[in-house]
Protein backbone atom coordinates (compact mmCIF):
# COMPACT_ATOMS: atom_id res chain seq x y z
CA MET A 1 0.22 0.05 -0.10
CA GLY A 2 1.50 3.46 -0.82
CA ASN A 3 -0.03 6.69 0.51
CA ASN A 4 -0.02 9.53 -1.72
CA VAL A 5 0.00 13.08 0.35
CA SER A 6 -0.74 16.16 -1.49
CA ALA A 7 -0.44 19.74 0.08
CA LYS A 8 -0.89 23.36 -0.91
CA ALA A 9 2.42 25.13 -1.35
CA MET A 10 3.27 27.89 1.02
CA PRO A 11 3.34 31.37 -0.38
CA ASP A 12 6.47 33.05 -1.83
CA GLY A 13 9.33 30.51 -1.00
CA GLU A 14 7.85 29.82 2.45
CA GLY A 15 6.97 26.18 1.87
CA SER A 16 10.42 24.91 3.45
CA GLU A 17 9.65 26.57 6.68
CA PRO A 18 7.57 23.95 9.19
CA PRO A 19 4.58 25.20 10.65
CA LEU A 20 4.42 26.61 14.54
CA ASP A 21 3.09 23.81 16.84
CA GLY A 22 0.30 26.33 17.74
CA GLY A 23 -1.83 25.80 14.68
CA LYS A 24 -5.45 25.88 15.17
CA HIS A 25 -7.59 22.37 14.19
CA LYS A 26 -11.27 22.84 13.14
CA ASN A 27 -14.05 20.90 11.15
CA HIS A 28 -12.83 17.17 12.03
CA GLN A 29 -14.68 15.07 9.09
CA HIS A 30 -14.00 11.27 8.70
CA HIS A 31 -12.66 10.18 5.66
CA LYS A 32 -14.93 7.83 3.12
CA SER A 33 -13.65 4.97 1.24
CA SER A 34 -13.16 6.80 -1.60
CA ILE A 35 -12.23 10.31 -2.33
CA GLN A 36 -13.37 12.50 -5.46
CA SER A 37 -10.30 13.91 -7.08
CA SER A 38 -12.62 16.76 -8.32
CA ASN A 39 -13.40 17.96 -4.70
CA GLY A 40 -12.15 21.48 -4.90
CA ASN A 41 -13.26 22.79 -1.43
CA ASN A 42 -10.16 21.84 0.71
CA ASN A 43 -8.49 24.92 2.17
CA ALA A 44 -4.76 25.91 1.51
CA SER A 45 -3.80 23.68 4.47
CA ASP A 46 -5.97 20.56 3.90
CA ILE A 47 -4.15 17.23 3.82
CA VAL A 48 -5.91 14.98 1.49
CA VAL A 49 -4.75 11.15 1.74
CA SER A 50 -5.94 8.59 -0.80
CA ASN A 51 -5.80 4.65 -0.24
CA SER A 52 -4.43 2.58 -3.21
CA ASN A 53 -4.22 -1.40 -2.74
CA SER A 54 -1.91 -3.09 -5.25
CA ASN A 55 -3.57 -6.32 -4.92
CA GLY A 56 -6.97 -4.85 -5.83
CA GLY A 57 -8.48 -5.74 -2.84
CA GLY A 58 -11.33 -3.38 -1.64
CA ASN A 59 -12.72 -4.94 1.27
CA GLY A 60 -12.26 -3.44 4.97
CA ASN A 61 -10.42 -6.40 6.65
CA GLY A 62 -8.06 -4.31 8.55
CA SER A 63 -6.01 -1.23 8.88
CA ASN A 64 -3.76 -2.50 6.22
CA ASN A 65 -6.19 -2.98 3.67
CA SER A 66 -8.50 -0.20 4.48
CA LEU A 67 -7.64 2.97 6.58
CA LYS A 68 -10.06 5.15 8.12
CA VAL A 69 -8.23 8.66 8.02
CA GLN A 70 -9.56 11.66 9.77
CA SER A 71 -8.96 14.81 7.04
CA GLN A 72 -7.94 17.60 9.43
CA THR A 73 -8.62 20.93 7.94
CA GLN A 74 -5.79 22.90 9.45
CA THR A 75 -5.89 26.78 9.76
CA MET A 76 -2.27 27.78 9.86
CA THR A 77 -1.69 31.19 11.19
CA ARG A 78 1.83 32.07 10.59
CA SER A 79 5.15 30.42 9.10
CA ALA A 80 8.24 29.75 11.18
CA SER A 81 9.58 33.03 9.78
CA GLY A 82 6.65 35.44 10.85
CA ALA A 83 4.61 35.27 7.51
CA ASP A 84 0.77 35.36 8.18
CA VAL A 85 -0.40 32.75 5.55
CA THR A 86 -4.01 33.47 6.56
CA GLU A 87 -3.57 36.92 4.88
CA LYS A 88 -5.29 36.81 1.40
CA HIS A 89 -4.34 40.29 0.37
CA LEU A 90 -0.35 40.76 0.33
CA THR A 91 1.42 44.17 0.24
CA GLN A 92 0.93 46.06 -3.12
CA LEU A 93 3.63 48.60 -2.23
CA VAL A 94 6.21 48.36 -5.17
CA PRO A 95 8.83 50.06 -2.78
CA VAL A 96 8.74 47.64 -0.15
CA GLU A 97 8.65 44.75 -2.68
CA ARG A 98 11.69 45.84 -4.41
CA LEU A 99 13.31 46.46 -1.09
CA ALA A 100 12.45 43.05 0.15
CA ASP A 101 13.75 41.21 -2.97
CA ILE A 102 17.00 43.16 -2.77
CA LEU A 103 17.50 42.20 0.85
CA LYS A 104 16.50 38.61 0.17
CA GLU A 105 19.28 38.49 -2.64
CA GLN A 106 22.07 40.07 -0.30
CA THR A 107 21.14 37.90 2.55
CA SER A 108 21.13 34.87 0.46
CA ALA A 109 24.62 35.61 -0.95
CA LYS A 110 26.07 36.32 2.30
CA TYR A 111 24.40 34.10 4.73
CA GLY A 112 22.85 31.50 2.54
CA ILE A 113 19.41 32.19 4.39
CA ASN A 114 16.14 32.22 2.35
CA GLY A 115 14.88 35.45 4.08
CA ILE A 116 16.44 38.61 5.57
CA VAL A 117 18.46 39.27 8.51
CA SER A 118 18.80 42.23 10.81
CA ASP A 119 22.52 42.82 9.64
CA VAL A 120 21.73 43.10 5.95
CA PHE A 121 18.41 45.12 6.94
CA VAL A 122 20.56 47.71 9.05
CA SER A 123 23.73 47.97 6.78
CA GLN A 124 21.65 48.74 3.84
CA VAL A 125 18.38 50.64 4.76
CA PHE A 126 19.84 52.48 8.23
CA PRO A 127 23.54 52.70 7.75
CA GLY A 128 23.75 55.96 9.63
CA TYR A 129 21.51 54.81 12.65
CA THR A 130 22.73 51.42 13.28
CA ASP A 131 20.60 51.39 16.69
CA LEU A 132 17.57 52.80 15.48
CA GLY A 133 17.63 49.72 12.32
CA HIS A 134 18.28 47.07 14.65
CA ARG A 135 15.29 48.11 17.07
CA LEU A 136 13.07 48.48 14.08
CA PHE A 137 13.68 44.99 12.49
CA GLN A 138 13.49 43.73 16.27
CA LEU A 139 10.05 45.24 16.35
CA MET A 140 8.94 43.53 13.21
CA HIS A 141 10.27 40.34 14.20
CA VAL A 142 8.30 40.48 17.18
CA ASN A 143 5.12 41.61 15.77
CA SER A 144 5.57 39.07 13.34
CA LYS A 145 5.79 36.10 15.95
CA ALA A 146 8.66 34.43 13.95
CA THR A 147 10.42 31.59 15.46
CA THR A 148 13.57 31.96 13.48
CA LYS A 149 16.23 34.52 13.53
CA HIS A 150 15.45 35.95 10.14
CA LEU A 151 12.49 37.10 8.62
CA GLY A 152 10.81 35.56 5.37
CA VAL A 153 10.04 38.01 2.48
CA VAL A 154 6.39 37.77 2.89
CA ALA A 155 6.57 38.35 6.75
CA PHE A 156 9.11 41.37 6.00
CA ARG A 157 6.63 42.78 3.43
CA GLN A 158 3.67 42.41 5.75
CA GLN A 159 5.60 44.03 8.47
CA CYS A 160 6.68 46.95 6.51
CA GLU A 161 3.01 47.21 5.20
CA ARG A 162 1.64 47.53 8.49
CA PHE A 163 4.35 49.99 9.93
CA LEU A 164 3.95 52.32 7.05
CA GLY A 165 0.06 51.94 7.39
CA ILE A 166 0.24 53.56 10.87
CA MET A 167 -1.83 56.75 10.88
CA ASP A 168 -2.55 57.31 14.37
CA ASP A 169 0.01 59.48 16.07
CA THR A 170 -0.74 57.28 19.57
CA LYS A 171 -0.22 54.07 17.68
CA VAL A 172 3.01 55.50 16.37
CA LEU A 173 4.23 56.43 19.71
CA GLU A 174 3.39 53.40 21.20
CA SER A 175 5.50 51.71 18.83
CA TYR A 176 8.83 53.61 19.26
CA ILE A 177 8.32 53.49 23.25
CA LYS A 178 8.11 49.57 22.50
CA MET A 179 11.20 49.55 20.65
CA TYR A 180 13.37 51.27 23.45
CA ALA A 181 11.84 48.85 26.06
CA GLN A 182 13.79 46.60 28.56
CA ALA A 183 15.08 43.64 26.72
CA ASP A 184 14.35 41.26 29.81
CA ASN A 185 10.99 42.94 30.39
CA PRO A 186 9.38 44.25 27.25
CA ASP A 187 6.36 45.53 29.39
CA PHE A 188 8.62 48.20 31.03
CA ILE A 189 11.01 50.92 29.80
CA ASP A 190 13.80 52.53 32.09
CA LYS A 191 15.94 55.88 32.04
CA VAL A 192 18.31 54.27 29.59
CA GLY A 193 15.82 53.58 26.92
CA VAL A 194 14.16 57.07 27.13
CA THR A 195 17.27 58.61 26.88
CA ARG A 196 18.42 56.64 23.92
CA LEU A 197 14.88 57.36 22.43
CA LEU A 198 15.64 61.05 22.89
CA HIS A 199 18.97 61.05 21.31
CA ILE A 200 17.92 59.56 18.23
CA CYS A 201 15.32 62.02 18.03
CA TYR A 202 18.03 64.74 18.57
CA THR A 203 20.42 63.37 16.17
CA ILE A 204 17.95 63.07 13.46
CA ALA A 205 16.45 66.43 13.72
CA MET A 206 20.03 68.07 13.85
CA GLN A 207 21.71 65.87 10.74
CA HIS A 208 18.65 66.72 8.71
CA SER A 209 18.53 70.49 9.20
CA GLY A 210 22.20 71.43 8.92
CA ASN A 211 22.86 71.93 12.70
CA ALA A 212 25.02 68.84 13.49
CA VAL A 213 26.81 70.39 16.20
CA LEU A 214 27.82 68.84 19.45
CA CYS A 215 25.87 70.13 22.60
CA ARG A 216 27.45 69.99 25.79
CA SER A 217 24.45 70.69 27.51
CA ILE A 218 22.59 67.70 26.07
CA ASN A 219 23.09 65.30 29.00
CA ARG A 220 21.58 68.03 31.22
CA THR A 221 18.65 68.43 28.90
CA PHE A 222 17.97 64.77 28.49
CA GLU A 223 18.32 64.23 32.31
CA SER A 224 15.62 67.08 32.75
CA VAL A 225 13.11 64.83 30.77
CA THR A 226 13.96 61.55 32.56
CA LYS A 227 13.56 63.40 36.07
CA SER A 228 10.16 64.54 34.77
CA ILE A 229 9.03 61.02 33.66
CA PHE A 230 10.48 58.81 36.30
CA PHE A 231 10.80 60.61 39.60
CA SER A 232 12.46 58.00 41.68
CA HIS A 233 11.86 54.96 39.61
CA ASP A 234 13.88 53.30 37.99
CA SER A 235 11.49 51.94 35.38
CA LEU A 236 8.01 52.53 34.51
CA SER A 237 5.15 50.77 32.25
CA LEU A 238 5.14 51.35 28.59
CA GLY A 239 1.66 53.11 28.99
CA PHE A 240 2.63 55.47 31.32
CA VAL A 241 5.58 56.43 29.27
CA CYS A 242 3.49 56.67 26.17
CA ARG A 243 0.95 59.13 28.34
CA TRP A 244 3.85 61.38 29.01
CA PHE A 245 5.16 61.76 25.96
CA GLU A 246 1.88 62.11 24.20
CA GLN A 247 0.94 65.34 26.58
CA ASN A 248 4.41 66.68 26.48
CA LEU A 249 6.81 65.59 23.77
CA ILE A 250 5.22 63.65 20.91
CA ARG A 251 6.25 65.70 17.95
CA PRO A 252 10.06 64.66 18.10
CA VAL A 253 8.98 61.16 18.19
CA LEU A 254 6.66 61.64 15.02
CA LEU A 255 9.73 63.45 13.17
CA VAL A 256 11.75 60.03 13.50
CA HIS A 257 8.39 57.93 12.28
CA LYS A 258 8.34 60.18 9.15
CA TYR A 259 12.08 59.65 8.55
CA CYS A 260 11.61 55.76 9.07
CA VAL A 261 8.59 56.00 6.68
CA HIS A 262 10.52 57.89 4.16
CA THR A 263 13.67 55.66 4.37
CA LEU A 264 11.61 52.45 3.89
CA SER A 265 9.69 53.72 1.13
CA THR A 266 12.98 54.98 -1.04
CA ALA A 267 15.85 53.03 0.18
CA TYR A 268 15.34 50.43 -2.71
CA ARG A 269 16.53 53.46 -5.30
CA GLY A 270 19.77 53.66 -3.96
CA LEU A 271 20.23 49.98 -3.63
CA GLU A 272 19.26 49.51 -7.07
CA GLN A 273 21.46 51.88 -8.06
CA GLN A 274 24.37 50.31 -6.23
CA THR A 275 24.70 53.33 -3.80
CA GLN A 276 23.78 53.41 -0.12
CA SER A 277 21.09 55.73 0.70
CA CYS A 278 19.22 56.60 3.76
CA GLY A 279 16.40 57.99 1.47
CA LEU A 280 17.74 61.58 2.40
CA GLU A 281 20.90 63.52 1.52
CA LEU A 282 21.91 64.49 4.65
CA GLN A 283 24.42 67.33 3.20
CA THR A 284 21.62 69.24 1.32
CA PRO A 285 22.02 72.82 2.37
CA VAL A 286 18.39 74.12 3.84
CA ILE A 287 19.34 76.44 6.13
CA GLU A 288 20.18 79.95 4.93
CA GLN A 289 20.96 81.58 8.23
CA ARG A 290 23.77 80.64 10.57
CA ASN A 291 22.59 78.41 13.50
CA PRO A 292 21.51 81.25 16.25
CA PHE A 293 22.08 78.77 19.11
CA ALA A 294 25.83 77.95 18.08
CA SER A 295 27.47 80.52 20.54
CA ALA A 296 26.18 78.53 23.44
CA ASP A 297 27.57 75.37 21.97
CA ALA A 298 30.92 76.55 20.27
CA THR A 299 33.84 74.59 20.75
CA ASP A 300 36.05 77.53 21.46
CA HIS A 301 37.00 77.08 25.02
CA ASN A 302 38.38 80.70 24.85
CA ALA A 303 34.90 82.18 24.26
CA PRO A 304 33.39 84.66 26.70
CA SER A 305 32.00 82.92 29.73
CA VAL A 306 28.72 85.20 29.17
CA HIS A 307 27.82 82.73 26.07
CA MET A 308 29.04 79.78 27.65
CA GLU A 309 26.04 80.27 30.10
CA SER A 310 23.30 80.74 27.69
CA LEU A 311 20.03 79.75 28.73
CA MET A 312 19.11 78.39 25.10
CA PRO A 313 21.71 76.09 24.16
CA LEU A 314 21.13 73.88 21.01
CA SER A 315 19.74 70.77 22.92
CA GLN A 316 17.59 73.12 24.73
CA ALA A 317 16.31 74.76 21.57
CA TRP A 318 14.99 71.68 20.13
CA LEU A 319 13.36 70.26 23.47
CA LEU A 320 11.42 73.57 23.50
CA ALA A 321 10.62 73.30 19.66
CA GLY A 322 9.18 69.95 20.05
CA ALA A 323 7.10 70.66 23.25
CA LEU A 324 5.79 73.87 21.86
CA PRO A 325 2.94 74.30 19.59
CA PRO A 326 3.96 74.47 15.73
CA LEU A 327 3.56 78.42 15.77
CA TYR A 328 6.82 78.83 17.44
CA SER A 329 8.62 76.80 15.46
CA LYS A 330 7.24 77.34 12.01
CA PRO A 331 9.95 77.04 9.33
CA ARG A 332 10.76 79.55 6.61
CA THR A 333 10.19 78.83 3.07
CA ILE A 334 13.25 76.88 1.57
CA THR A 335 14.30 77.24 -2.00
CA PRO A 336 14.47 73.63 -3.90
CA PRO A 337 17.63 72.46 -5.14
CA ASN A 338 18.88 72.99 -8.63
CA SER A 339 17.58 69.68 -9.60
CA SER A 340 14.04 70.73 -9.50
CA ASN A 341 12.72 68.65 -11.90
CA ASN A 342 13.60 65.41 -9.88
CA SER A 343 10.50 64.12 -8.19
CA SER A 344 12.78 62.65 -5.42
CA ALA A 345 14.53 65.90 -4.81
CA GLN A 346 11.28 67.66 -4.43
CA SER A 347 10.00 64.83 -1.83
CA ALA A 348 12.93 65.48 0.14
CA VAL A 349 12.40 69.10 0.32
CA GLN A 350 9.17 68.48 1.47
CA ILE A 351 10.40 66.25 4.33
CA PHE A 352 13.16 68.80 5.13
CA LYS A 353 10.50 71.47 5.69
CA ASP A 354 9.01 69.16 8.19
CA LYS A 355 12.05 68.56 9.87
CA LEU A 356 13.22 72.22 10.19
CA SER A 357 9.91 72.63 12.16
CA MET A 358 11.80 70.84 15.00
CA MET A 359 14.99 72.70 15.11
CA PRO A 360 14.10 76.27 14.03
CA SER A 361 16.72 78.65 12.44
CA HIS A 362 14.53 81.81 12.66
CA TRP A 363 14.68 82.49 16.53
CA THR A 364 16.49 85.76 17.31
CA LEU A 365 17.65 86.94 20.59
CA LEU A 366 15.90 90.01 21.45
CA TYR A 367 17.13 90.55 25.00
CA ASP A 368 20.04 89.28 27.24
CA SER A 369 20.17 90.46 30.70
CA ASN A 370 23.89 89.78 30.85
CA GLU A 371 24.50 92.13 27.76
CA HIS A 372 21.79 94.39 27.88
CA GLY A 373 21.40 95.12 31.72
CA VAL A 374 18.80 94.12 34.05
CA GLY A 375 16.01 96.33 34.68
CA ALA A 376 12.15 96.85 33.69
CA ASN A 377 12.97 99.68 31.27
CA ARG A 378 15.53 97.28 29.64
CA PHE A 379 13.25 94.59 29.17
CA LEU A 380 10.50 96.79 27.78
CA HIS A 381 13.07 98.62 25.54
CA HIS A 382 14.26 95.34 23.78
CA VAL A 383 11.01 93.65 23.86
CA LEU A 384 7.86 95.88 23.18
CA GLY A 385 7.17 96.39 19.62
CA TYR A 386 8.12 92.85 18.28
CA ARG A 387 5.21 91.50 16.65
CA GLY A 388 5.58 87.91 16.63
CA PRO A 389 5.83 85.13 19.08
CA THR A 390 8.34 85.18 22.17
CA LEU A 391 10.09 83.04 24.65
CA VAL A 392 10.85 84.35 27.95
CA LEU A 393 13.38 82.39 29.92
CA LEU A 394 14.05 83.23 33.52
CA HIS A 395 17.01 81.69 35.56
CA THR A 396 16.93 81.75 39.17
CA ASN A 397 19.79 81.80 41.60
CA ASP A 398 18.80 78.43 43.03
CA LYS A 399 19.43 76.95 39.31
CA GLN A 400 15.99 76.71 38.54
CA THR A 401 14.89 77.83 34.88
CA TYR A 402 11.50 78.71 33.40
CA CYS A 403 10.11 79.57 30.09
CA ILE A 404 7.05 81.72 29.50
CA ALA A 405 5.94 81.25 25.83
CA ALA A 406 3.72 84.28 24.40
CA PRO A 407 2.26 83.75 21.03
CA SER A 408 1.88 87.34 20.12
CA GLU A 409 3.61 90.73 21.24
CA TRP A 410 4.04 91.84 24.78
CA LYS A 411 1.74 94.94 25.59
CA GLU A 412 1.30 96.78 28.87
CA THR A 413 -2.14 96.14 30.20
CA HIS A 414 -3.98 95.75 33.69
CA LEU A 415 -5.60 92.38 32.27
CA PHE A 416 -4.50 88.88 31.81
CA VAL A 417 -4.02 88.16 27.97
CA GLY A 418 -2.94 85.47 25.62
CA SER A 419 -4.13 83.34 22.99
CA GLU A 420 -4.28 79.17 22.66
CA GLY A 421 -0.42 79.23 22.40
CA SER A 422 0.24 80.53 25.81
CA CYS A 423 2.30 78.22 28.37
CA VAL A 424 4.65 78.34 31.41
CA ILE A 425 7.26 75.36 31.40
CA GLN A 426 9.85 74.57 34.06
CA LEU A 427 12.91 73.67 31.76
CA LEU A 428 15.74 72.80 34.79
CA PRO A 429 15.93 70.91 36.71
CA LYS A 430 12.94 68.85 35.57
CA PHE A 431 10.93 69.44 32.28
CA VAL A 432 7.30 70.07 33.43
CA ILE A 433 4.65 71.95 31.24
CA LEU A 434 3.05 73.95 34.31
CA GLU A 435 0.12 75.56 32.54
CA LYS A 436 -1.07 75.61 29.21
CA LYS A 437 -4.22 77.84 28.76
CA PRO A 438 -5.34 81.43 27.33
CA ASN A 439 -4.97 84.59 29.04
CA ILE A 440 -2.60 83.57 31.57
CA LEU A 441 -0.06 86.41 30.50
CA TYR A 442 0.52 89.79 32.52
CA LEU A 443 2.61 92.78 32.20
CA ASN A 444 2.36 96.09 33.78
CA THR A 445 4.97 98.42 34.84
CA SER A 446 3.07 101.88 34.90
CA ILE A 447 -0.62 101.34 35.56
CA ARG A 448 -1.34 102.41 39.12
CA GLY A 449 -3.59 100.59 41.38
CA TYR A 450 -2.71 97.25 39.58
CA PRO A 451 0.14 94.86 40.55
CA LYS A 452 3.32 95.49 38.80
CA GLY A 453 5.63 93.32 36.80
CA LEU A 454 5.58 90.12 34.67
CA ARG A 455 3.04 87.68 35.76
CA ALA A 456 2.29 84.24 34.39
CA GLY A 457 -0.72 81.93 35.39
CA ALA A 458 -4.65 81.40 35.26
CA ASP A 459 -5.27 82.53 38.63
CA PRO A 460 -4.58 86.31 39.06
CA ARG A 461 -4.38 86.04 42.60
CA LYS A 462 -1.74 83.16 42.72
CA PRO A 463 -0.09 83.25 39.34
CA ILE A 464 2.42 80.55 38.93
CA ILE A 465 5.13 82.50 38.05
CA ALA A 466 5.61 86.56 39.34
CA VAL A 467 8.41 88.77 38.69
CA ASP A 468 8.46 92.01 40.66
CA GLU A 469 8.42 95.32 39.04
CA HIS A 470 12.07 96.00 39.31
CA PHE A 471 12.88 92.40 37.78
CA GLU A 472 15.22 91.44 40.55
CA ASN A 473 13.37 88.84 42.28
CA VAL A 474 10.91 85.96 41.01
CA ASP A 475 8.02 84.01 42.54
CA CYS A 476 7.49 80.28 41.64
CA LYS A 477 4.42 78.64 43.25
CA GLY A 478 5.21 80.58 46.48
CA ILE A 479 8.95 79.75 46.23
CA ALA A 480 10.88 83.22 46.01
CA ALA A 481 14.14 83.36 44.86
CA GLY A 482 16.49 85.98 43.15
CA LEU A 483 16.77 86.41 39.19
CA ARG A 484 19.85 86.10 37.89
CA SER A 485 19.37 86.32 34.41
CA ILE A 486 16.64 86.63 31.70
CA GLU A 487 16.80 86.11 27.82
CA VAL A 488 13.85 86.82 25.33
CA TRP A 489 13.73 85.01 21.92
CA GLY A 490 11.69 86.05 19.13
CA CYS A 491 9.93 83.24 17.24
CA GLY A 492 8.40 85.06 14.53
CA ASP A 493 9.49 85.50 10.97
CA LYS A 494 12.21 88.05 9.40
CA SER A 495 9.58 90.75 9.26
CA SER A 496 8.72 90.92 12.99
CA ARG A 497 12.10 91.69 13.68
CA ASP A 498 12.29 94.20 11.05
CA VAL A 499 8.98 96.06 12.00
CA GLN A 500 10.45 96.14 15.66
CA LEU A 501 13.84 97.97 14.50
CA ASP A 502 11.83 100.36 12.37
CA ILE A 503 9.71 101.29 14.98
CA LYS A 504 12.65 101.98 17.31
CA LYS A 505 14.43 104.09 14.80
CA TRP A 506 11.49 106.14 14.50
CA GLN A 507 11.41 106.56 18.47
CA ILE A 508 14.84 107.71 18.47
CA LYS A 509 14.61 110.21 15.63
CA GLU A 510 11.22 111.42 17.66
CA ALA A 511 13.25 111.93 20.48
CA GLU A 512 15.90 113.99 18.71
CA ARG A 513 13.29 116.05 17.53
CA GLN A 514 11.54 116.73 20.62
CA ARG A 515 15.04 117.89 22.22
CA THR A 516 15.26 120.63 19.94
CA VAL A 517 12.20 122.58 19.84
CA LYS A 518 11.94 126.12 18.73
CA LEU A 519 9.39 128.62 20.30
CA THR A 520 8.44 131.80 18.90
CA ALA A 521 7.79 134.69 21.46
CA ALA A 522 4.02 134.27 21.57
CA ASP A 523 4.46 130.53 22.60
CA TRP A 524 6.95 131.10 25.05
CA MET A 525 4.57 133.65 26.80
CA ASP A 526 2.30 130.76 27.51
CA HIS A 527 4.91 127.96 28.16
CA PRO A 528 4.73 126.59 31.81
CA ASP A 529 8.43 126.39 31.56
CA ARG A 530 8.50 130.44 31.89
CA TYR A 531 6.55 130.38 34.97
CA LEU A 532 8.79 127.79 36.39
CA LEU A 533 11.60 130.07 35.93
CA GLU A 534 9.76 133.14 37.27
CA LEU A 535 9.06 130.94 40.62
CA GLY A 536 12.68 129.99 40.71
CA GLY A 537 13.55 133.68 40.61
CA ARG A 538 14.66 134.04 37.03
CA GLN A 539 14.15 137.56 35.69
CA ASN A 540 11.70 137.92 33.11
CA TYR A 541 12.83 139.88 30.01
CA ASN A 542 9.95 139.64 27.91
CA ASN A 543 7.47 142.38 29.15
């Protein structure tokens, strides 16, 4: 007796891989003595067994002559390399399909494996960000539930399609927090994981905005975030950290996702041309203005100490740009490269526009107390008239740093003003958004009968931050401290600064004109200065 076993082949080269032991079984049926070959109702994993007796005996005398076989209709959910064989519609994305074929050929040539391994994926797709590439491949591997170290071509295409298809910002954030979770406890993430996530966000933002400068305050900036998240804990659940990032710092993570999506979608072009490419040209000049934060991060140790103690180092500017609403970090228009006819170049320019919003080059320093002097009149002179968003940074003697974000120009008034973009943030030693509401900003130095100074908070009687009228002391949540330095950064476009400078030029000319006033004899007779001179004993010569 011979048994003929026929089975439908696995899709796309997956037939050599055994199924997982956890396959589901259903619809058990007794096999009849004769099976019609024309039966086409078997599933992809149904096993059809036919009995043929060489002696021509058709009786049912025993198991050797007649087999009573159960046809098990098995629904095999996944292959060993992670392919979802129950998915009827495979990816239709041509870039992903081409990328998978290229990586499969290189893996087969280098390792002799019918699939895609992590080393080939990272070296060809993410050569500049190896840690990010390994973590992304590991995420795909875990989601595919593969039992092999490599991913099959079908599994890789399926996971890439699902990753590229994530549209919800919350889902995107959860994916990246999961990437940097603890290896031994994937449901928790520690300070090291969050720091690595922040570092890749910062690195990609810098290298794709033309500001690839080493910031010596980067560790302090990252530590302020980890202190705010973990407090005294060593690790926290993924859900808690996701909620914190969603409420405070989601935009830097979304930038990394844009980069990964663009890279996975365009990497095949460079590989087909035998050139390594991440999808974006890192050396493309996209910033016309010199980095305004470079003075705080210069490598020249002989630079004046006043610049070394700036309240806005490069890493701090990146963190604020990611936490504040987009109106503060809105980029300027970028001129496309010379090869404007190339569609890939145009798409790269569009990506660069998004990335520039995370590292603004248009911020300008309006007022620095270390350079312009401390006082209310100095603050008003350099800040009033700037018709654009501003950031007021306050640094106290006890090493606390706060930021008051104003979405519109400052004006002296007895009312609390400010639109939706108004917020108060503690920068150091912990990064905390203290309040984010409209009508929380207050500035008054001359109106009598009302509190004087600079204030920020929803409760006028108990503001979160209150600076006295002399700009010497600051009170934060009832804790008083001496005000060490103040910086005000303008976040508007170039025209906002030009308008402010034109107003100041007009004020200077008007002051000079008022200093030299020519009076006629008739005007002098009724002038108040004449009566003051007479009261002082000055003899009147105009009778």
